[in-house]
Amino acid sequence: RLFAIARISYGNAIKRACEKAGVKPFTPHALRHTTATRLVDIVGLEAAQQVLGHSQAAMTRHYSKSAEKQALDAVRKLG
């Protein structure tokens, strides 16, 4: 375990911190998802898979597809 608190308590702490900082609240999963996407982009699929603890590369590849879709969306917005 990374933190010795319950998952719901961790989520609530993030929510309170976001409200105090005046930013849009996010979930602990959003942190993991963002980190995973950046890992795939920076170090590649295999290294990201090891860091994230995925037993199947397909799960890690999911994050790579997410980054690819966001890039395509951004290019389409440019025209």
N, C-alpha and C. Protein backbone atom coordinates (compact mmCIF):
# COMPACT_ATOMS: atom_id res chain seq x y z
N ARG A 1 0.83 -1.19 0.00
CA ARG A 1 0.00 0.00 0.00
C ARG A 1 0.87 1.25 0.00
N LEU A 2 0.44 2.19 -0.77
CA LEU A 2 1.16 3.46 -0.83
C LEU A 2 0.82 4.34 0.37
N PHE A 3 -0.44 4.36 0.75
CA PHE A 3 -0.88 5.17 1.87
C PHE A 3 -1.59 4.27 2.87
N ALA A 4 -1.45 4.56 4.16
CA ALA A 4 -2.09 3.76 5.19
C ALA A 4 -3.46 4.32 5.56
N ILE A 5 -4.20 4.76 4.55
CA ILE A 5 -5.57 5.25 4.78
C ILE A 5 -6.50 4.57 3.78
N ALA A 6 -7.77 4.56 4.12
CA ALA A 6 -8.76 3.92 3.24
C ALA A 6 -8.87 4.70 1.93
N ARG A 7 -9.21 3.99 0.87
CA ARG A 7 -9.33 4.60 -0.46
C ARG A 7 -10.32 5.78 -0.45
N ILE A 8 -11.45 5.61 0.21
CA ILE A 8 -12.45 6.68 0.23
C ILE A 8 -11.91 7.90 0.98
N SER A 9 -11.14 7.68 2.04
CA SER A 9 -10.55 8.79 2.78
C SER A 9 -9.55 9.55 1.91
N TYR A 10 -8.77 8.81 1.13
CA TYR A 10 -7.80 9.43 0.23
C TYR A 10 -8.52 10.28 -0.81
N GLY A 11 -9.58 9.73 -1.39
CA GLY A 11 -10.38 10.46 -2.38
C GLY A 11 -10.99 11.71 -1.78
N ASN A 12 -11.50 11.60 -0.57
CA ASN A 12 -12.09 12.76 0.09
C ASN A 12 -11.05 13.82 0.40
N ALA A 13 -9.85 13.40 0.78
CA ALA A 13 -8.76 14.35 1.05
C ALA A 13 -8.40 15.11 -0.22
N ILE A 14 -8.35 14.42 -1.35
CA ILE A 14 -8.05 15.07 -2.62
C ILE A 14 -9.16 16.07 -2.95
N LYS A 15 -10.40 15.66 -2.75
CA LYS A 15 -11.54 16.54 -3.06
C LYS A 15 -11.47 17.82 -2.22
N ARG A 16 -11.20 17.68 -0.93
CA ARG A 16 -11.11 18.85 -0.05
C ARG A 16 -9.94 19.76 -0.46
N ALA A 17 -8.82 19.15 -0.80
CA ALA A 17 -7.66 19.94 -1.22
C ALA A 17 -7.95 20.70 -2.51
N CYS A 18 -8.65 20.07 -3.44
CA CYS A 18 -9.01 20.73 -4.69
C CYS A 18 -9.94 21.91 -4.43
N GLU A 19 -10.93 21.70 -3.56
CA GLU A 19 -11.85 22.78 -3.23
C GLU A 19 -11.11 23.94 -2.57
N LYS A 20 -10.19 23.62 -1.67
CA LYS A 20 -9.42 24.65 -0.99
C LYS A 20 -8.53 25.42 -1.97
N ALA A 21 -8.00 24.70 -2.97
CA ALA A 21 -7.12 25.33 -3.97
C ALA A 21 -7.91 26.02 -5.08
N GLY A 22 -9.22 25.78 -5.11
CA GLY A 22 -10.05 26.40 -6.14
C GLY A 22 -9.89 25.78 -7.52
N VAL A 23 -9.56 24.47 -7.54
CA VAL A 23 -9.44 23.77 -8.82
C VAL A 23 -10.51 22.70 -8.92
N LYS A 24 -10.77 22.27 -10.14
CA LYS A 24 -11.78 21.24 -10.38
C LYS A 24 -11.34 19.93 -9.70
N PRO A 25 -12.21 19.35 -8.88
CA PRO A 25 -11.86 18.10 -8.20
C PRO A 25 -11.60 16.96 -9.19
N PHE A 26 -10.73 16.05 -8.80
CA PHE A 26 -10.41 14.88 -9.60
C PHE A 26 -10.32 13.67 -8.68
N THR A 27 -10.26 12.50 -9.26
CA THR A 27 -10.22 11.27 -8.47
C THR A 27 -8.81 10.70 -8.41
N PRO A 28 -8.53 9.84 -7.44
CA PRO A 28 -7.23 9.16 -7.41
C PRO A 28 -6.97 8.39 -8.70
N HIS A 29 -8.02 7.82 -9.29
CA HIS A 29 -7.85 7.09 -10.54
C HIS A 29 -7.38 8.03 -11.65
N ALA A 30 -7.85 9.26 -11.65
CA ALA A 30 -7.41 10.22 -12.67
C ALA A 30 -5.91 10.46 -12.56
N LEU A 31 -5.39 10.48 -11.33
CA LEU A 31 -3.94 10.62 -11.14
C LEU A 31 -3.20 9.44 -11.75
N ARG A 32 -3.69 8.24 -11.49
CA ARG A 32 -3.05 7.04 -12.03
C ARG A 32 -3.13 7.04 -13.55
N HIS A 33 -4.28 7.40 -14.09
CA HIS A 33 -4.47 7.40 -15.54
C HIS A 33 -3.52 8.40 -16.20
N THR A 34 -3.43 9.59 -15.65
CA THR A 34 -2.54 10.61 -16.20
C THR A 34 -1.09 10.16 -16.13
N THR A 35 -0.70 9.61 -14.99
CA THR A 35 0.67 9.13 -14.83
C THR A 35 0.96 8.01 -15.81
N ALA A 36 0.03 7.08 -15.96
CA ALA A 36 0.24 5.96 -16.88
C ALA A 36 0.39 6.44 -18.31
N THR A 37 -0.45 7.39 -18.73
CA THR A 37 -0.37 7.92 -20.09
C THR A 37 0.98 8.58 -20.32
N ARG A 38 1.41 9.38 -19.35
CA ARG A 38 2.71 10.06 -19.49
C ARG A 38 3.86 9.06 -19.49
N LEU A 39 3.77 8.02 -18.65
CA LEU A 39 4.81 7.00 -18.62
C LEU A 39 4.97 6.33 -19.98
N VAL A 40 3.86 5.93 -20.57
CA VAL A 40 3.92 5.27 -21.88
C VAL A 40 4.58 6.19 -22.89
N ASP A 41 4.20 7.46 -22.87
CA ASP A 41 4.78 8.42 -23.81
C ASP A 41 6.27 8.64 -23.58
N ILE A 42 6.70 8.66 -22.33
CA ILE A 42 8.08 9.01 -22.00
C ILE A 42 9.03 7.81 -22.05
N VAL A 43 8.65 6.69 -21.44
CA VAL A 43 9.59 5.56 -21.33
C VAL A 43 9.22 4.37 -22.20
N GLY A 44 8.05 4.40 -22.82
CA GLY A 44 7.64 3.29 -23.67
C GLY A 44 6.76 2.29 -22.95
N LEU A 45 6.18 1.41 -23.75
CA LEU A 45 5.18 0.46 -23.27
C LEU A 45 5.74 -0.52 -22.24
N GLU A 46 6.87 -1.15 -22.52
CA GLU A 46 7.37 -2.19 -21.63
C GLU A 46 7.78 -1.65 -20.27
N ALA A 47 8.48 -0.53 -20.25
CA ALA A 47 8.89 0.05 -18.97
C ALA A 47 7.67 0.52 -18.18
N ALA A 48 6.72 1.13 -18.86
CA ALA A 48 5.50 1.60 -18.20
C ALA A 48 4.74 0.41 -17.62
N GLN A 49 4.68 -0.68 -18.35
CA GLN A 49 3.99 -1.88 -17.87
C GLN A 49 4.60 -2.35 -16.55
N GLN A 50 5.92 -2.34 -16.46
CA GLN A 50 6.59 -2.77 -15.23
C GLN A 50 6.29 -1.82 -14.07
N VAL A 51 6.38 -0.52 -14.33
CA VAL A 51 6.13 0.47 -13.28
C VAL A 51 4.70 0.38 -12.77
N LEU A 52 3.76 0.20 -13.68
CA LEU A 52 2.35 0.16 -13.32
C LEU A 52 1.91 -1.17 -12.73
N GLY A 53 2.72 -2.20 -12.92
CA GLY A 53 2.40 -3.52 -12.37
C GLY A 53 1.35 -4.27 -13.16
N HIS A 54 1.22 -3.95 -14.46
CA HIS A 54 0.26 -4.67 -15.30
C HIS A 54 0.86 -6.00 -15.73
N SER A 55 0.10 -7.07 -15.59
CA SER A 55 0.59 -8.38 -16.03
C SER A 55 0.44 -8.54 -17.54
N GLN A 56 -0.48 -7.80 -18.14
CA GLN A 56 -0.72 -7.88 -19.57
C GLN A 56 -0.38 -6.54 -20.24
N ALA A 57 0.36 -6.60 -21.33
CA ALA A 57 0.73 -5.38 -22.07
C ALA A 57 -0.51 -4.68 -22.63
N ALA A 58 -1.56 -5.43 -22.88
CA ALA A 58 -2.78 -4.85 -23.45
C ALA A 58 -3.36 -3.78 -22.53
N MET A 59 -3.27 -3.98 -21.21
CA MET A 59 -3.79 -2.98 -20.28
C MET A 59 -2.97 -1.71 -20.38
N THR A 60 -1.67 -1.84 -20.44
CA THR A 60 -0.79 -0.68 -20.55
C THR A 60 -1.00 0.01 -21.90
N ARG A 61 -1.21 -0.76 -22.94
CA ARG A 61 -1.43 -0.22 -24.28
C ARG A 61 -2.68 0.67 -24.32
N HIS A 62 -3.62 0.39 -23.45
CA HIS A 62 -4.84 1.20 -23.34
C HIS A 62 -4.48 2.68 -23.12
N TYR A 63 -3.49 2.93 -22.29
CA TYR A 63 -3.08 4.31 -22.01
C TYR A 63 -2.41 4.94 -23.22
N SER A 64 -1.71 4.14 -23.96
CA SER A 64 -1.06 4.62 -25.18
C SER A 64 -2.12 5.05 -26.19
N LYS A 65 -3.18 4.29 -26.31
CA LYS A 65 -4.27 4.64 -27.23
C LYS A 65 -4.95 5.92 -26.79
N SER A 66 -5.06 6.11 -25.49
CA SER A 66 -5.68 7.33 -24.98
C SER A 66 -4.87 8.55 -25.41
N ALA A 67 -3.57 8.48 -25.29
CA ALA A 67 -2.70 9.59 -25.68
C ALA A 67 -2.79 9.82 -27.18
N GLU A 68 -2.85 8.74 -27.95
CA GLU A 68 -2.95 8.86 -29.41
C GLU A 68 -4.26 9.55 -29.80
N LYS A 69 -5.36 9.18 -29.17
CA LYS A 69 -6.65 9.80 -29.47
C LYS A 69 -6.62 11.29 -29.14
N GLN A 70 -6.04 11.64 -28.00
CA GLN A 70 -5.97 13.05 -27.62
C GLN A 70 -5.13 13.84 -28.62
N ALA A 71 -4.06 13.24 -29.10
CA ALA A 71 -3.22 13.93 -30.09
C ALA A 71 -3.99 14.14 -31.39
N LEU A 72 -4.71 13.12 -31.84
CA LEU A 72 -5.50 13.26 -33.07
C LEU A 72 -6.59 14.31 -32.91
N ASP A 73 -7.24 14.33 -31.77
CA ASP A 73 -8.27 15.34 -31.50
C ASP A 73 -7.68 16.75 -31.56
N ALA A 74 -6.50 16.92 -30.99
CA ALA A 74 -5.85 18.22 -30.99
C ALA A 74 -5.51 18.67 -32.39
N VAL A 75 -5.01 17.74 -33.22
CA VAL A 75 -4.67 18.07 -34.61
C VAL A 75 -5.91 18.43 -35.40
N ARG A 76 -6.99 17.71 -35.17
CA ARG A 76 -8.25 18.00 -35.88
C ARG A 76 -8.76 19.40 -35.53
N LYS A 77 -8.59 19.82 -34.28
CA LYS A 77 -9.02 21.13 -33.87
C LYS A 77 -8.23 22.24 -34.58
N LEU A 78 -6.99 21.93 -34.92
CA LEU A 78 -6.18 22.90 -35.64
C LEU A 78 -6.65 23.09 -37.07
N GLY A 79 -7.31 22.07 -37.60
CA GLY A 79 -7.84 22.17 -38.97
C GLY A 79 -6.89 21.59 -39.91
